[in-house]
Amino acid sequence: MSKVVLVTDSTSDIPLATRERLGIEMVPLRVIFGEESYLDNVTLSPAQFYDKLKSSSALPSTSQPSPAQFLEVYERLLAEGNSVVSVHLSSAMSGTYQSATIARSMLDDDSKVTVIDSRSASYGYGALVVSAAELAARGASREEVAAEVLRLRKQMKLYFLVNTLEYLQKGGRIGKAAAIFGTLLNIKPILTIGDDGVIFPIDKVRGQKRAVARIVELLESDFGPGAAIDLAVVDTPGDVEAADDLVAVLRTRFNVAGFHRSEIGSVIGTHAGPGTAGLFVFPAGSGHIV
């Protein structure tokens, strides 16, 4: 029987058990430490990645999947009689979406494949993929599934709290002097992603408690004080203090109806570093946070 299959890439940070339950196909990026190359979330887990990151003097590099990798997945799924909705990391951060688009153009018949730029990262779009896969499992059409992704993309608010400026500096996002000065002052940048899919700092405050309080203010402005929300939180293995603090406070200030916790993978982790916490928030009941 024909069905709609969701395809994503490894930066969506969807747990393996969830992907298997919903039949979500995942195409991995590569993570390269010197001469060593790994398949993200396949041959290199988040825990292994952060262990290597902390001990490495230089940042790893990442490599997007090739169009051929996506083409193989699309052709296999179409040959099985399925249609495809393929959702990927923001095109402003990676060429992964472009590779998927090129693969679609290489098909003999591309009418059953929809490729979407999530304009987001990590479980910020993983949640969209999961919700769309739940809808597909209930028999929705490809057009309905794609529309669900776009609907949730508009509703989501997201914030990243960076624990250290070291990795933003290593990646060239801020200057060395700014990183040293900011570290001495215990500056905590709060990042978000714009409608164009670009990461940018929305604020910077001194200290963890002030950073958490500022994120609460931002979310109260987005949804209203005490609002019912669905909340997804991502953190980095072994450095979960910031995420724990955020969850504890948010549960006292909002009605958290749906909750999911996952790990930040290697691509975002390369630039943000250990101890980063990410929040992805939707109005309660707008989708599936699992």
Protein backbone atom coordinates (compact mmCIF):
# COMPACT_ATOMS: atom_id res chain seq x y z
CA MET A 1 0.00 0.00 0.00
CA SER A 2 1.31 3.45 -0.97
CA LYS A 3 2.30 5.70 1.90
CA VAL A 4 4.12 8.97 2.58
CA VAL A 5 7.63 8.47 3.95
CA LEU A 6 9.55 11.22 5.74
CA VAL A 7 13.22 11.63 4.88
CA THR A 8 15.56 13.74 6.99
CA ASP A 9 19.25 14.07 7.74
CA SER A 10 21.27 13.39 10.89
CA THR A 11 21.15 16.98 12.13
CA SER A 12 17.46 16.64 13.01
CA ASP A 13 18.53 14.81 16.20
CA ILE A 14 15.54 12.45 16.14
CA PRO A 15 16.21 9.45 18.41
CA LEU A 16 16.73 6.15 16.61
CA ALA A 17 13.76 4.52 18.38
CA THR A 18 11.45 7.26 17.12
CA ARG A 19 12.78 7.01 13.57
CA GLU A 20 12.26 3.25 13.59
CA ARG A 21 8.76 3.50 15.04
CA LEU A 22 7.63 5.99 12.42
CA GLY A 23 9.66 4.68 9.49
CA ILE A 24 11.61 7.94 9.08
CA GLU A 25 14.59 7.63 6.72
CA MET A 26 17.79 9.41 7.83
CA VAL A 27 20.71 10.37 5.58
CA PRO A 28 23.83 11.14 7.64
CA LEU A 29 26.30 13.99 7.33
CA ARG A 30 29.99 13.27 7.82
CA VAL A 31 32.08 14.52 10.74
CA ILE A 32 35.83 14.78 10.12
CA PHE A 33 38.48 14.95 12.84
CA GLY A 34 41.81 15.27 11.02
CA GLU A 35 42.25 12.06 9.05
CA GLU A 36 39.29 10.33 10.73
CA SER A 37 35.87 10.48 9.06
CA TYR A 38 32.62 9.39 10.70
CA LEU A 39 28.96 9.09 9.74
CA ASP A 40 27.08 11.42 12.06
CA ASN A 41 24.76 9.53 14.42
CA VAL A 42 25.71 6.26 12.73
CA THR A 43 29.39 5.54 13.44
CA LEU A 44 29.78 8.52 15.82
CA SER A 45 27.27 9.08 18.62
CA PRO A 46 26.74 12.49 20.27
CA ALA A 47 28.53 11.28 23.43
CA GLN A 48 31.54 10.12 21.40
CA PHE A 49 31.57 13.37 19.45
CA TYR A 50 31.70 15.62 22.53
CA ASP A 51 34.43 13.51 24.08
CA LYS A 52 36.52 13.98 20.95
CA LEU A 53 35.61 17.68 20.69
CA LYS A 54 36.86 18.46 24.20
CA SER A 55 40.20 16.77 23.54
CA SER A 56 40.73 18.21 20.05
CA SER A 57 42.86 21.33 19.54
CA ALA A 58 41.07 22.14 16.28
CA LEU A 59 37.42 22.08 15.33
CA PRO A 60 36.25 19.14 13.23
CA SER A 61 34.74 19.78 9.85
CA THR A 62 31.44 18.48 8.57
CA SER A 63 30.45 17.34 5.12
CA GLN A 64 26.96 17.29 3.65
CA PRO A 65 25.52 14.16 2.01
CA SER A 66 25.96 13.99 -1.75
CA PRO A 67 23.00 14.18 -4.16
CA ALA A 68 23.73 10.52 -4.99
CA GLN A 69 23.03 9.51 -1.39
CA PHE A 70 19.62 11.18 -1.47
CA LEU A 71 18.91 9.85 -4.95
CA GLU A 72 19.44 6.27 -3.76
CA VAL A 73 16.94 6.76 -0.93
CA TYR A 74 14.35 8.49 -3.13
CA GLU A 75 14.57 5.87 -5.89
CA ARG A 76 14.23 3.01 -3.40
CA LEU A 77 11.20 4.53 -1.70
CA LEU A 78 9.50 5.39 -5.00
CA ALA A 79 10.14 1.88 -6.35
CA GLU A 80 8.28 0.57 -3.30
CA GLY A 81 5.27 2.66 -4.33
CA ASN A 82 5.70 5.44 -1.77
CA SER A 83 5.79 9.21 -2.00
CA VAL A 84 8.32 11.33 -0.11
CA VAL A 85 8.50 14.47 2.02
CA SER A 86 12.16 15.29 2.63
CA VAL A 87 12.94 17.89 5.34
CA HIS A 88 16.44 19.19 6.04
CA LEU A 89 18.78 21.45 7.99
CA SER A 90 18.52 25.16 7.18
CA SER A 91 20.05 25.90 3.78
CA ALA A 92 21.76 28.91 5.40
CA MET A 93 23.84 26.52 7.53
CA SER A 94 24.56 23.65 5.16
CA GLY A 95 24.34 22.51 1.55
CA THR A 96 22.35 19.43 2.63
CA TYR A 97 19.04 20.88 1.42
CA GLN A 98 20.66 21.71 -1.93
CA SER A 99 21.93 18.13 -2.28
CA ALA A 100 18.41 16.83 -1.65
CA THR A 101 16.98 19.28 -4.21
CA ILE A 102 19.54 18.21 -6.82
CA ALA A 103 18.71 14.56 -6.16
CA ARG A 104 15.01 15.27 -6.71
CA SER A 105 15.82 16.90 -10.07
CA MET A 106 17.69 13.74 -11.13
CA LEU A 107 14.63 11.53 -10.78
CA ASP A 108 12.85 10.36 -13.91
CA ASP A 109 9.59 11.46 -12.25
CA ASP A 110 9.95 13.97 -9.40
CA SER A 111 6.22 14.54 -8.92
CA LYS A 112 6.05 12.37 -5.80
CA VAL A 113 8.94 13.99 -3.88
CA THR A 114 8.68 17.24 -1.91
CA VAL A 115 11.87 18.74 -0.47
CA ILE A 116 11.55 21.35 2.31
CA ASP A 117 14.09 23.74 3.80
CA SER A 118 13.34 23.61 7.54
CA ARG A 119 15.09 26.97 8.15
CA SER A 120 15.95 25.44 11.51
CA ALA A 121 18.36 23.05 13.20
CA SER A 122 18.51 20.10 15.57
CA TYR A 123 15.20 18.98 17.08
CA GLY A 124 13.83 22.37 16.06
CA TYR A 125 13.00 20.68 12.80
CA GLY A 126 13.19 17.12 14.11
CA ALA A 127 9.93 17.88 15.91
CA LEU A 128 8.41 18.98 12.60
CA VAL A 129 9.50 15.72 10.95
CA VAL A 130 8.10 13.61 13.81
CA SER A 131 4.76 15.41 13.73
CA ALA A 132 4.56 15.06 9.94
CA ALA A 133 5.42 11.34 10.18
CA GLU A 134 2.64 10.86 12.74
CA LEU A 135 0.23 12.52 10.30
CA ALA A 136 1.47 10.35 7.44
CA ALA A 137 0.92 7.23 9.55
CA ARG A 138 -2.73 8.24 9.83
CA GLY A 139 -3.07 8.20 6.05
CA ALA A 140 -2.54 11.86 5.11
CA SER A 141 -1.51 12.77 1.58
CA ARG A 142 1.92 14.07 0.61
CA GLU A 143 0.45 17.55 0.20
CA GLU A 144 -1.11 17.42 3.67
CA VAL A 145 2.11 16.17 5.25
CA ALA A 146 4.17 18.91 3.61
CA ALA A 147 1.64 21.53 4.72
CA GLU A 148 1.97 20.26 8.31
CA VAL A 149 5.72 20.87 8.23
CA LEU A 150 5.24 24.42 6.96
CA ARG A 151 2.49 25.13 9.51
CA LEU A 152 4.60 24.04 12.46
CA ARG A 153 7.65 25.86 11.10
CA LYS A 154 5.73 29.14 11.43
CA GLN A 155 4.52 28.40 14.97
CA MET A 156 7.80 27.34 16.55
CA LYS A 157 9.96 29.59 18.72
CA LEU A 158 13.50 28.50 19.49
CA TYR A 159 16.39 29.67 21.62
CA PHE A 160 19.89 28.30 22.23
CA LEU A 161 21.84 29.13 25.37
CA VAL A 162 25.58 28.78 24.82
CA ASN A 163 27.66 27.79 27.84
CA THR A 164 31.03 28.92 26.49
CA LEU A 165 32.26 31.36 23.83
CA GLU A 166 35.25 29.14 23.00
CA TYR A 167 33.64 27.27 20.11
CA LEU A 168 32.00 30.33 18.56
CA GLN A 169 35.49 31.85 18.52
CA LYS A 170 37.13 28.72 17.09
CA GLY A 171 34.53 28.65 14.33
CA GLY A 172 35.14 32.27 13.41
CA ARG A 173 31.74 33.49 14.62
CA ILE A 174 33.30 35.96 17.10
CA GLY A 175 36.80 37.43 17.52
CA LYS A 176 39.33 36.06 20.00
CA ALA A 177 39.37 39.26 22.06
CA ALA A 178 35.57 39.24 22.33
CA ALA A 179 35.65 35.60 23.41
CA ILE A 180 38.23 36.22 26.13
CA PHE A 181 36.47 39.36 27.39
CA GLY A 182 33.08 37.65 27.32
CA THR A 183 34.40 34.62 29.20
CA LEU A 184 35.91 36.81 31.92
CA LEU A 185 32.56 38.57 32.37
CA ASN A 186 30.65 35.24 32.32
CA ILE A 187 28.65 36.36 29.27
CA LYS A 188 25.99 33.90 28.13
CA PRO A 189 24.85 34.46 24.53
CA ILE A 190 21.24 33.59 23.72
CA LEU A 191 20.91 32.55 20.09
CA THR A 192 17.91 32.09 17.85
CA ILE A 193 17.31 31.34 14.17
CA GLY A 194 15.67 33.92 11.94
CA ASP A 195 12.98 33.39 9.31
CA ASP A 196 15.81 33.14 6.78
CA GLY A 197 17.31 30.18 8.65
CA VAL A 198 20.38 32.07 9.89
CA ILE A 199 21.60 31.74 13.50
CA PHE A 200 22.06 35.08 15.25
CA PRO A 201 22.41 36.34 18.85
CA ILE A 202 19.16 37.75 20.20
CA ASP A 203 20.70 38.83 23.53
CA LYS A 204 23.67 38.31 25.82
CA VAL A 205 23.55 38.45 29.60
CA ARG A 206 25.89 37.83 32.52
CA GLY A 207 25.47 34.56 34.36
CA GLN A 208 23.37 31.45 34.07
CA LYS A 209 20.46 32.64 36.24
CA ARG A 210 20.04 35.85 34.27
CA ALA A 211 20.20 33.93 31.00
CA VAL A 212 17.44 31.57 32.12
CA ALA A 213 15.33 34.52 33.31
CA ARG A 214 15.81 36.28 29.96
CA ILE A 215 14.70 33.21 28.01
CA VAL A 216 11.58 33.02 30.18
CA GLU A 217 10.87 36.67 29.34
CA LEU A 218 11.26 35.97 25.64
CA LEU A 219 8.91 32.98 25.77
CA GLU A 220 6.34 34.93 27.81
CA SER A 221 6.42 37.57 25.09
CA ASP A 222 6.01 34.86 22.43
CA PHE A 223 3.19 32.85 24.05
CA GLY A 224 1.93 34.80 27.06
CA PRO A 225 2.64 34.25 30.79
CA GLY A 226 1.54 30.83 32.00
CA ALA A 227 0.63 29.67 28.49
CA ALA A 228 0.11 26.01 27.67
CA ILE A 229 3.08 24.90 25.56
CA ASP A 230 4.68 21.88 24.01
CA LEU A 231 8.38 21.91 24.85
CA ALA A 232 11.35 20.13 23.33
CA VAL A 233 14.75 20.52 24.98
CA VAL A 234 18.13 19.47 23.63
CA ASP A 235 21.42 19.35 25.50
CA THR A 236 24.90 17.87 25.19
CA PRO A 237 25.89 14.59 26.86
CA GLY A 238 27.67 15.14 30.16
CA ASP A 239 26.89 18.89 30.27
CA VAL A 240 23.20 19.14 31.04
CA GLU A 241 23.16 21.75 33.83
CA ALA A 242 21.91 24.60 31.63
CA ALA A 243 19.13 22.46 30.18
CA ASP A 244 18.14 21.21 33.64
CA ASP A 245 17.90 24.80 34.92
CA LEU A 246 15.75 25.85 31.98
CA VAL A 247 13.36 22.92 32.30
CA ALA A 248 12.92 23.45 36.04
CA VAL A 249 12.06 27.13 35.64
CA LEU A 250 9.85 26.68 32.59
CA ARG A 251 7.76 24.08 34.38
CA THR A 252 6.99 26.67 37.08
CA ARG A 253 6.17 29.48 34.64
CA PHE A 254 4.27 27.64 31.89
CA ASN A 255 1.78 24.80 31.55
CA VAL A 256 4.04 22.26 29.84
CA ALA A 257 1.59 19.92 28.11
CA GLY A 258 4.01 18.00 25.89
CA PHE A 259 7.69 17.40 26.61
CA HIS A 260 10.62 15.84 24.76
CA ARG A 261 14.34 15.78 25.54
CA SER A 262 17.05 14.89 23.08
CA GLU A 263 20.77 15.45 22.43
CA ILE A 264 22.43 18.08 20.24
CA GLY A 265 24.33 16.39 17.45
CA SER A 266 27.74 17.12 16.02
CA VAL A 267 26.97 19.83 13.45
CA ILE A 268 25.43 22.35 15.85
CA GLY A 269 27.78 21.12 18.57
CA THR A 270 30.81 21.95 16.44
CA HIS A 271 29.95 25.66 16.59
CA ALA A 272 28.14 25.91 19.94
CA GLY A 273 30.21 23.51 22.04
CA PRO A 274 29.48 21.41 25.14
CA GLY A 275 26.95 22.67 27.66
CA THR A 276 24.69 24.26 25.04
CA ALA A 277 20.95 24.01 25.69
CA GLY A 278 18.29 24.43 23.03
CA LEU A 279 14.55 25.07 23.46
CA PHE A 280 11.92 24.50 20.79
CA VAL A 281 8.46 25.64 21.83
CA PHE A 282 5.05 25.33 20.21
CA PRO A 283 1.54 26.22 21.35
CA ALA A 284 0.17 23.17 23.23
CA GLY A 285 -1.52 20.67 20.95
CA SER A 286 -0.14 22.11 17.73
CA GLY A 287 1.90 19.00 16.97
CA HIS A 288 3.52 15.92 18.45
CA ILE A 289 6.43 16.41 20.85
CA VAL A 290 7.71 12.85 21.30
